[in-house]
Protein backbone atom coordinates (compact mmCIF):
# COMPACT_ATOMS: atom_id res chain seq x y z
CA MET A 1 -1.83 -27.85 -15.42
CA THR A 2 1.29 -25.72 -15.04
CA SER A 3 2.87 -25.00 -11.66
CA ARG A 4 1.18 -21.60 -11.54
CA GLU A 5 -2.32 -22.56 -12.58
CA ALA A 6 -5.10 -22.92 -10.03
CA PRO A 7 -7.00 -26.20 -9.76
CA GLU A 8 -10.19 -26.37 -11.87
CA SER A 9 -12.46 -26.69 -8.84
CA THR A 10 -12.71 -24.28 -5.94
CA VAL A 11 -9.65 -23.96 -3.75
CA ALA A 12 -10.14 -26.68 -1.17
CA ALA A 13 -8.29 -27.94 1.84
CA THR A 14 -6.73 -30.64 -0.33
CA VAL A 15 -4.60 -27.99 -2.09
CA ASP A 16 -1.15 -28.08 -0.52
CA ALA A 17 0.34 -24.76 0.61
CA ALA A 18 3.54 -25.75 -1.20
CA HIS A 19 1.65 -25.12 -4.45
CA PHE A 20 2.20 -21.41 -3.77
CA ASP A 21 5.86 -21.51 -2.64
CA ASP A 22 6.93 -19.28 -5.54
CA ILE A 23 4.80 -16.29 -4.45
CA ARG A 24 3.84 -16.74 -0.79
CA PRO A 25 5.37 -14.91 2.21
CA TYR A 26 8.05 -16.67 4.23
CA ASN A 27 6.96 -18.90 7.12
CA ASP A 28 8.19 -18.79 10.70
CA ASP A 29 10.53 -21.75 10.20
CA GLU A 30 12.23 -19.90 7.33
CA PHE A 31 12.82 -16.66 9.21
CA ALA A 32 16.28 -17.35 10.68
CA LYS A 33 17.78 -18.55 7.40
CA VAL A 34 16.37 -15.66 5.35
CA PHE A 35 17.32 -13.03 7.93
CA THR A 36 20.89 -14.35 8.06
CA ARG A 37 21.03 -14.20 4.28
CA LEU A 38 19.61 -10.68 4.31
CA ILE A 39 22.14 -9.10 6.66
CA GLY A 40 24.92 -10.95 4.85
CA GLU A 41 23.91 -9.27 1.59
CA ARG A 42 26.32 -6.40 1.06
CA GLU A 43 23.99 -4.42 -1.20
CA PHE A 44 21.23 -4.51 1.42
CA VAL A 45 23.59 -3.25 4.13
CA ASP A 46 24.96 -0.58 1.81
CA THR A 47 21.43 0.56 0.98
CA LEU A 48 20.57 0.98 4.67
CA ALA A 49 23.84 2.76 5.40
CA SER A 50 23.59 5.13 2.43
CA MET A 51 20.03 6.12 3.36
CA LYS A 52 20.63 6.66 7.05
CA PHE A 53 24.20 8.02 6.91
CA SER A 54 24.45 9.35 3.35
CA ARG A 55 27.47 11.64 3.82
CA LEU A 56 29.47 9.37 6.08
CA PHE A 57 28.83 6.34 3.87
CA ARG A 58 30.44 8.05 0.88
CA TRP A 59 33.70 8.30 2.79
CA LEU A 60 33.66 5.40 5.25
CA PRO A 61 31.53 2.52 3.92
CA TRP A 62 33.92 -0.05 5.36
CA LEU A 63 33.29 1.34 8.84
CA LEU A 64 29.52 1.46 8.61
CA ARG A 65 28.90 -2.04 7.21
CA PRO A 66 29.91 -3.99 10.34
CA LEU A 67 28.08 -1.48 12.54
CA ILE A 68 24.85 -1.88 10.56
CA ARG A 69 25.10 -5.68 10.72
CA LYS A 70 25.81 -5.63 14.45
CA THR A 71 22.89 -3.30 15.13
CA MET A 72 20.50 -5.48 13.14
CA ARG A 73 21.63 -8.68 14.88
CA GLN A 74 21.11 -7.03 18.27
CA SER A 75 17.74 -5.52 17.34
CA PHE A 76 16.34 -8.82 16.04
CA ALA A 77 18.19 -11.21 18.39
CA ASP A 78 14.99 -12.42 20.07
CA VAL A 79 12.91 -12.70 16.91
CA ARG A 80 11.70 -16.23 16.27
CA SER A 81 8.71 -15.64 14.01
CA VAL A 82 7.30 -13.33 11.37
CA ARG A 83 4.91 -11.92 13.97
CA ASP A 84 7.87 -11.06 16.25
CA PHE A 85 9.49 -9.33 13.28
CA GLN A 86 6.34 -7.33 12.53
CA GLU A 87 5.96 -6.28 16.15
CA ILE A 88 9.45 -4.76 16.07
CA ILE A 89 8.67 -3.04 12.78
CA GLY A 90 5.40 -1.78 14.30
CA ALA A 91 7.21 -0.37 17.32
CA GLN A 92 9.63 1.44 15.02
CA MET A 93 6.68 2.75 13.03
CA HIS A 94 5.20 4.25 16.19
CA LYS A 95 8.53 5.94 16.95
CA LEU A 96 8.68 7.40 13.44
CA LEU A 97 5.16 8.77 13.71
CA ASP A 98 5.97 10.29 17.10
CA LYS A 99 9.25 11.75 15.81
CA ASP A 100 7.62 13.74 13.02
CA ALA A 101 4.51 14.52 15.10
CA SER A 102 2.27 12.50 12.80
CA GLN A 103 -1.07 11.39 14.20
CA LEU A 104 -2.99 8.23 13.31
CA THR A 105 -6.78 8.04 13.51
CA VAL A 106 -8.52 4.72 12.81
CA ARG A 107 -12.22 4.49 11.98
CA GLY A 108 -14.63 1.68 11.20
CA LEU A 109 -12.84 -1.29 12.77
CA ASP A 110 -15.64 -1.77 15.28
CA LYS A 111 -17.77 -3.19 12.43
CA LEU A 112 -15.38 -6.09 11.79
CA ASP A 113 -15.04 -9.47 13.51
CA PRO A 114 -11.51 -9.92 14.96
CA LYS A 115 -11.77 -13.67 14.38
CA GLN A 116 -12.64 -13.33 10.70
CA SER A 117 -10.29 -13.02 7.71
CA TYR A 118 -10.88 -10.20 5.23
CA LEU A 119 -9.73 -9.02 1.84
CA PHE A 120 -8.96 -5.34 2.35
CA ILE A 121 -9.04 -3.44 -0.95
CA SER A 122 -7.44 -0.06 -0.40
CA ASN A 123 -6.73 3.16 -2.23
CA HIS A 124 -3.01 3.49 -2.90
CA ARG A 125 -0.85 6.53 -2.15
CA ASP A 126 2.34 5.15 -0.58
CA ILE A 127 4.22 1.96 -1.49
CA ALA A 128 5.05 0.83 2.04
CA MET A 129 2.98 2.98 4.38
CA ASP A 130 -0.48 2.10 3.03
CA PRO A 131 -0.29 -1.58 4.07
CA ALA A 132 1.92 -0.78 7.09
CA LEU A 133 -0.63 1.66 8.51
CA THR A 134 -3.43 -0.83 7.86
CA ILE A 135 -1.47 -3.41 9.86
CA LEU A 136 -0.79 -0.85 12.61
CA ALA A 137 -4.50 -0.07 12.82
CA LEU A 138 -5.36 -3.77 13.10
CA HIS A 139 -2.70 -4.41 15.76
CA GLN A 140 -3.99 -1.49 17.84
CA ASN A 141 -7.35 -3.24 17.87
CA ASN A 142 -5.92 -6.68 18.74
CA MET A 143 -6.49 -8.05 15.25
CA ASP A 144 -4.01 -10.10 13.25
CA SER A 145 -1.96 -8.43 10.52
CA VAL A 146 -2.46 -8.92 6.80
CA ARG A 147 -0.59 -10.48 3.94
CA ILE A 148 0.42 -7.79 1.47
CA ALA A 149 0.22 -7.95 -2.32
CA ILE A 150 3.34 -6.46 -3.91
CA GLY A 151 4.22 -6.25 -7.60
CA ASP A 152 7.43 -7.90 -8.75
CA ASN A 153 8.32 -4.63 -10.51
CA LEU A 154 9.29 -3.35 -7.03
CA LEU A 155 11.45 -6.37 -6.28
CA THR A 156 14.42 -5.14 -8.28
CA LYS A 157 16.95 -6.95 -6.09
CA PRO A 158 16.84 -10.33 -4.29
CA PHE A 159 17.30 -8.59 -0.92
CA VAL A 160 14.18 -6.49 -1.56
CA SER A 161 12.18 -9.66 -2.23
CA ASP A 162 13.52 -11.28 0.94
CA LEU A 163 12.72 -8.24 3.06
CA MET A 164 9.19 -7.92 1.72
CA ARG A 165 8.39 -11.63 2.02
CA LEU A 166 9.62 -11.60 5.63
CA ASN A 167 7.01 -8.89 6.22
CA LYS A 168 4.12 -11.09 4.99
CA SER A 169 4.21 -9.85 1.41
CA PHE A 170 3.31 -12.12 -1.50
CA ILE A 171 4.31 -11.56 -5.10
CA VAL A 172 2.10 -10.29 -7.89
CA ARG A 173 3.88 -11.23 -11.12
CA ARG A 174 3.50 -8.22 -13.43
CA SER A 175 6.62 -8.84 -15.52
CA THR A 176 5.36 -12.12 -17.00
CA LYS A 177 5.52 -12.15 -20.80
CA GLY A 178 3.11 -13.86 -23.17
CA ARG A 179 -0.69 -14.06 -22.99
CA ARG A 180 -0.88 -17.66 -21.75
CA GLU A 181 1.83 -17.12 -19.15
CA LYS A 182 0.12 -13.97 -17.85
CA LEU A 183 -3.21 -15.78 -17.54
CA ALA A 184 -1.56 -18.68 -15.71
CA ALA A 185 0.13 -16.25 -13.30
CA LEU A 186 -3.18 -14.45 -12.64
CA LYS A 187 -5.01 -17.74 -11.98
CA HIS A 188 -2.25 -18.76 -9.62
CA LEU A 189 -2.52 -15.44 -7.77
CA SER A 190 -6.32 -15.72 -7.61
CA ALA A 191 -6.09 -19.22 -6.18
CA TYR A 192 -3.53 -18.11 -3.59
CA ILE A 193 -5.66 -15.20 -2.38
CA ARG A 194 -8.66 -17.50 -1.95
CA PHE A 195 -6.54 -20.19 -0.29
CA SER A 196 -5.04 -17.66 2.12
CA LEU A 197 -8.44 -16.27 3.13
CA GLN A 198 -10.50 -19.45 3.29
CA GLN A 199 -8.03 -22.20 4.21
CA GLU A 200 -5.27 -20.43 6.15
CA HIS A 201 -7.63 -17.73 7.53
CA GLN A 202 -5.11 -14.97 6.81
CA SER A 203 -6.38 -11.54 5.83
CA ILE A 204 -4.97 -9.79 2.77
CA TRP A 205 -4.26 -6.19 1.77
CA ILE A 206 -4.29 -5.30 -1.91
CA ALA A 207 -4.39 -1.95 -3.70
CA GLN A 208 -7.46 -1.08 -5.77
CA ARG A 209 -5.27 -0.42 -8.79
CA GLU A 210 -1.80 -1.12 -10.11
CA GLY A 211 0.56 1.62 -8.97
CA ARG A 212 0.01 4.56 -6.69
CA ALA A 213 -2.63 7.20 -7.46
CA LYS A 214 0.03 9.88 -7.88
CA ASP A 215 -2.55 12.40 -9.10
CA GLY A 216 -4.81 11.88 -6.07
CA LEU A 217 -7.62 10.33 -8.12
CA ASP A 218 -8.73 7.03 -6.60
CA GLY A 219 -10.38 4.38 -8.76
CA THR A 220 -10.75 0.60 -8.70
CA GLU A 221 -9.50 -1.38 -11.68
CA THR A 222 -12.05 -3.91 -12.86
CA ALA A 223 -9.14 -6.11 -14.02
CA LEU A 224 -8.18 -6.60 -10.36
CA LEU A 225 -11.69 -7.75 -9.46
CA LYS A 226 -11.89 -10.08 -12.45
CA MET A 227 -8.58 -11.62 -11.32
CA LEU A 228 -10.09 -12.44 -7.93
CA ALA A 229 -12.69 -14.63 -9.64
CA LEU A 230 -10.33 -16.51 -11.97
CA CYS A 231 -10.09 -19.39 -9.47
CA LYS A 232 -13.84 -20.06 -9.55
CA ALA A 233 -15.33 -23.40 -10.51
CA LYS A 234 -17.49 -23.64 -13.63
CA THR A 235 -20.61 -23.85 -11.47
CA GLU A 236 -19.80 -20.67 -9.53
CA SER A 237 -20.82 -17.16 -10.48
CA PHE A 238 -18.66 -14.05 -10.11
CA GLY A 239 -20.83 -12.87 -7.23
CA GLU A 240 -20.58 -16.17 -5.34
CA VAL A 241 -16.79 -16.20 -5.48
CA ILE A 242 -16.46 -12.59 -4.37
CA GLN A 243 -18.96 -13.01 -1.54
CA GLY A 244 -16.75 -15.73 -0.06
CA LEU A 245 -13.72 -13.41 0.11
CA ASN A 246 -15.12 -10.97 2.71
CA VAL A 247 -14.13 -7.81 0.84
CA VAL A 248 -13.81 -4.59 2.86
CA PRO A 249 -12.80 -1.27 1.19
CA VAL A 250 -10.18 0.77 3.05
CA SER A 251 -9.60 4.49 2.61
CA LEU A 252 -6.29 6.13 3.59
CA SER A 253 -5.81 9.88 3.82
CA TYR A 254 -2.49 11.66 4.46
CA GLU A 255 -2.34 15.30 5.46
CA TRP A 256 1.07 15.56 3.79
CA ASP A 257 2.63 13.27 1.20
CA PRO A 258 6.42 12.94 1.72
CA CYS A 259 6.75 11.94 -1.95
CA ASP A 260 4.60 14.76 -3.36
CA SER A 261 7.44 16.62 -5.10
CA ALA A 262 8.75 13.42 -6.74
CA LYS A 263 5.25 12.50 -7.90
CA ALA A 264 4.70 16.01 -9.30
CA LYS A 265 7.98 15.76 -11.22
CA GLU A 266 6.97 12.41 -12.72
CA LEU A 267 3.44 13.54 -13.59
CA TYR A 268 4.72 16.75 -15.18
CA ALA A 269 7.12 14.76 -17.35
CA HIS A 270 4.31 12.46 -18.50
CA GLN A 271 2.03 15.39 -19.27
CA ASN A 272 4.59 17.51 -21.13
CA GLU A 273 7.18 15.07 -22.46
CA GLY A 274 5.07 11.94 -22.88
CA ALA A 275 7.29 9.75 -20.70
CA TYR A 276 9.30 9.62 -17.51
CA GLU A 277 12.46 7.57 -17.03
CA LYS A 278 12.88 6.35 -13.46
CA ALA A 279 16.34 6.36 -11.95
CA GLU A 280 17.80 3.07 -10.79
CA HIS A 281 16.19 1.99 -7.49
CA GLU A 282 13.93 5.07 -7.50
CA ASP A 283 11.10 2.99 -6.02
CA ILE A 284 13.33 1.99 -3.10
CA ALA A 285 14.09 5.65 -2.47
CA SER A 286 10.34 6.39 -2.56
CA ILE A 287 9.71 3.65 -0.01
CA TYR A 288 12.32 5.16 2.32
CA ARG A 289 11.03 8.72 1.85
CA GLY A 290 7.46 7.62 2.48
CA ILE A 291 8.45 5.86 5.70
CA VAL A 292 10.62 8.57 7.28
CA GLY A 293 8.92 11.69 5.87
CA ASN A 294 6.37 13.80 7.71
CA LYS A 295 2.81 12.71 6.96
CA GLY A 296 0.90 14.90 9.39
CA HIS A 297 -2.51 13.55 10.35
CA ILE A 298 -3.27 10.13 8.86
CA TYR A 299 -6.73 8.57 8.67
CA VAL A 300 -7.32 4.87 8.04
CA THR A 301 -11.03 4.19 7.53
CA PHE A 302 -12.43 0.67 7.16
CA GLY A 303 -15.62 0.55 5.14
CA ASP A 304 -18.55 -1.86 5.17
CA LEU A 305 -18.26 -5.53 4.26
CA LEU A 306 -19.42 -6.13 0.69
CA SER A 307 -22.15 -8.62 1.54
CA THR A 308 -24.36 -8.21 -1.54
CA PRO A 309 -23.52 -10.48 -4.52
CA PHE A 310 -22.34 -8.45 -7.52
CA ALA A 311 -23.30 -9.37 -11.05
CA ASP A 312 -20.00 -8.21 -12.50
CA ALA A 313 -16.71 -6.44 -11.84
CA ALA A 314 -17.97 -3.02 -12.98
CA THR A 315 -20.80 -3.00 -10.42
CA MET A 316 -18.43 -4.10 -7.67
CA ALA A 317 -15.83 -1.48 -8.63
CA ALA A 318 -18.48 1.24 -8.42
CA GLU A 319 -19.37 0.22 -4.86
CA ILE A 320 -15.73 0.08 -3.76
CA ASP A 321 -15.16 3.54 -5.26
CA ARG A 322 -18.25 4.86 -3.53
CA GLN A 323 -16.98 3.70 -0.16
CA ILE A 324 -13.34 4.72 -0.60
CA ILE A 325 -14.21 8.20 -1.85
CA GLY A 326 -17.03 8.65 0.65
CA ASN A 327 -14.84 7.54 3.57
CA TYR A 328 -11.80 9.53 2.47
CA ARG A 329 -11.02 12.10 5.15
CA LEU A 330 -10.62 15.48 3.46
CA GLN A 331 -8.05 17.57 5.34
CA ALA A 332 -7.01 21.23 5.31
CA THR A 333 -4.25 20.53 2.76
CA HIS A 334 -6.82 19.20 0.31
CA TRP A 335 -9.18 22.14 0.70
CA ILE A 336 -6.43 24.75 0.40
CA ALA A 337 -5.11 23.16 -2.78
CA TYR A 338 -8.63 22.91 -4.23
CA GLU A 339 -9.44 26.55 -3.46
CA ARG A 340 -6.20 27.76 -5.04
CA LEU A 341 -6.89 25.86 -8.25
CA HIS A 342 -10.68 26.04 -8.54
CA GLY A 343 -11.91 28.74 -6.21
CA LEU A 344 -14.59 27.90 -3.66
CA PRO A 345 -18.12 27.54 -5.07
CA GLU A 346 -21.02 27.33 -2.62
CA GLN A 347 -21.16 23.53 -2.59
CA ALA A 348 -17.45 23.31 -1.71
CA ALA A 349 -17.64 26.14 0.82
CA GLN A 350 -20.38 24.36 2.77
CA ALA A 351 -18.38 21.14 2.90
CA LYS A 352 -15.18 22.94 3.90
CA ALA A 353 -16.94 24.86 6.70
CA SER A 354 -17.36 21.67 8.72
CA LEU A 355 -13.60 21.18 9.07
CA VAL A 356 -11.81 22.82 11.99
CA ALA A 357 -8.14 23.55 11.23
CA ASP A 358 -5.38 26.12 11.64
CA TRP A 359 -5.86 27.32 8.07
CA GLN A 360 -3.17 30.02 8.22
CA ALA A 361 -0.49 27.59 9.46
CA VAL A 362 -1.37 24.97 6.84
CA ALA A 363 -1.35 27.57 4.07
CA GLN A 364 2.07 28.78 5.18
CA ALA A 365 3.40 25.21 5.22
CA PHE A 366 1.96 24.71 1.74
CA ASP A 367 3.71 27.86 0.47
CA GLU A 368 7.04 26.62 1.82
CA ARG A 369 6.48 23.27 0.12
CA LEU A 370 5.70 24.89 -3.21
CA GLU A 371 8.68 27.23 -3.06
CA ALA A 372 10.99 24.21 -2.69
CA ILE A 373 10.04 22.75 -6.10
CA PRO A 374 10.32 24.09 -9.69
CA GLN A 375 7.65 26.62 -10.68
CA GLU A 376 6.36 24.40 -13.50
CA HIS A 377 5.64 21.51 -11.11
CA ARG A 378 3.55 23.49 -8.63
CA ASP A 379 0.11 23.22 -10.23
CA THR A 380 0.66 19.47 -10.66
CA LEU A 381 1.42 19.12 -6.96
CA LEU A 382 -1.57 21.25 -6.03
CA ALA A 383 -3.83 19.13 -8.24
CA ALA A 384 -2.73 15.94 -6.46
CA TYR A 385 -3.87 17.43 -3.15
CA ALA A 386 -7.02 18.98 -4.65
CA ASN A 387 -8.29 15.95 -6.58
CA PRO A 388 -9.75 14.12 -3.54
CA VAL A 389 -12.02 17.15 -3.08
CA VAL A 390 -12.93 17.04 -6.77
CA GLN A 391 -13.90 13.38 -6.45
CA TYR A 392 -15.80 13.94 -3.23
CA LEU A 393 -17.88 16.74 -4.74
CA GLN A 394 -18.61 14.64 -7.83
CA HIS A 395 -19.63 11.50 -5.91
CA CYS A 396 -20.90 12.73 -2.55
CA GLY A 397 -21.42 16.47 -2.68
């Protein structure tokens, strides 16, 4: 058995947590050392400075570096654990939401047991904010935070990996080459998820698909669900393994997407040129834009626990999709985009009529957003906002 393969039997208490040291989040006793390493990393400090003080940093980087380090040491001086770290991040998140007048509405948490661990499978629109808002929703209801699955394609620099693993992220190895190596990595990941939920009683957040749904179309990859069952014993069925993971679908809806213009640019390139070449550290820039940009009204809806055994991944994916699409909160931005692209047939008009909104103000804001991007990208951006309505009408209308 290689270092990344799961044991043949079910993940039991006899499996040592050290078996997962290569992918797990950092522990409390590692915080001080990793944090010291992080703020000592010049590229990390430069990244913060260039994002927050872009003009000044171009001229006076030598002045900003010690100020950034000093501010971080002061801000995190009393932090002794990962939870302390997350509470500070959560407080900053509240300030950001207040600053841009964003509003957070949480639904469905009353159905969950605060003492239980869950595998939250979520739709995916924003790299950092999707799991962050899920954590914020849980904290507001006195529930523990989650461990976050993050692809190693986003960990382009060691400091990014350190930062994410301090924030309870664990690594999904997508860059592994070779069929056997990929299978071993997936078994290792499967075993870790089960170990985290059943032995360490730590909930997990994972996206329903690899990569963000830039086009606004949510769908669960069956490959993800098959991965969850790779750690099963020979005597276990797919349904038995999944039932023990306490899966709960989560649906996130943003009134405005701070990355919508960048996504439209990328989608347009794929559609018309066949490919899109990302700039260096473009994902890091997207993370920053998603965090600080205006998101308007945000809804985080927790669905029902998947308590029925599923025969296979396809059946399970269909149920997760049903819940995520059915629980997705359609907002004025979605309806306006849909009407502009598709008109408003009777079925859509009846569904739209139930939503109270300042339609004129939202339409004006949409026009300003569209005018700020190239003409050829506008229908692509509109489609990303309209597609949740398309899916809703197909599945629930």
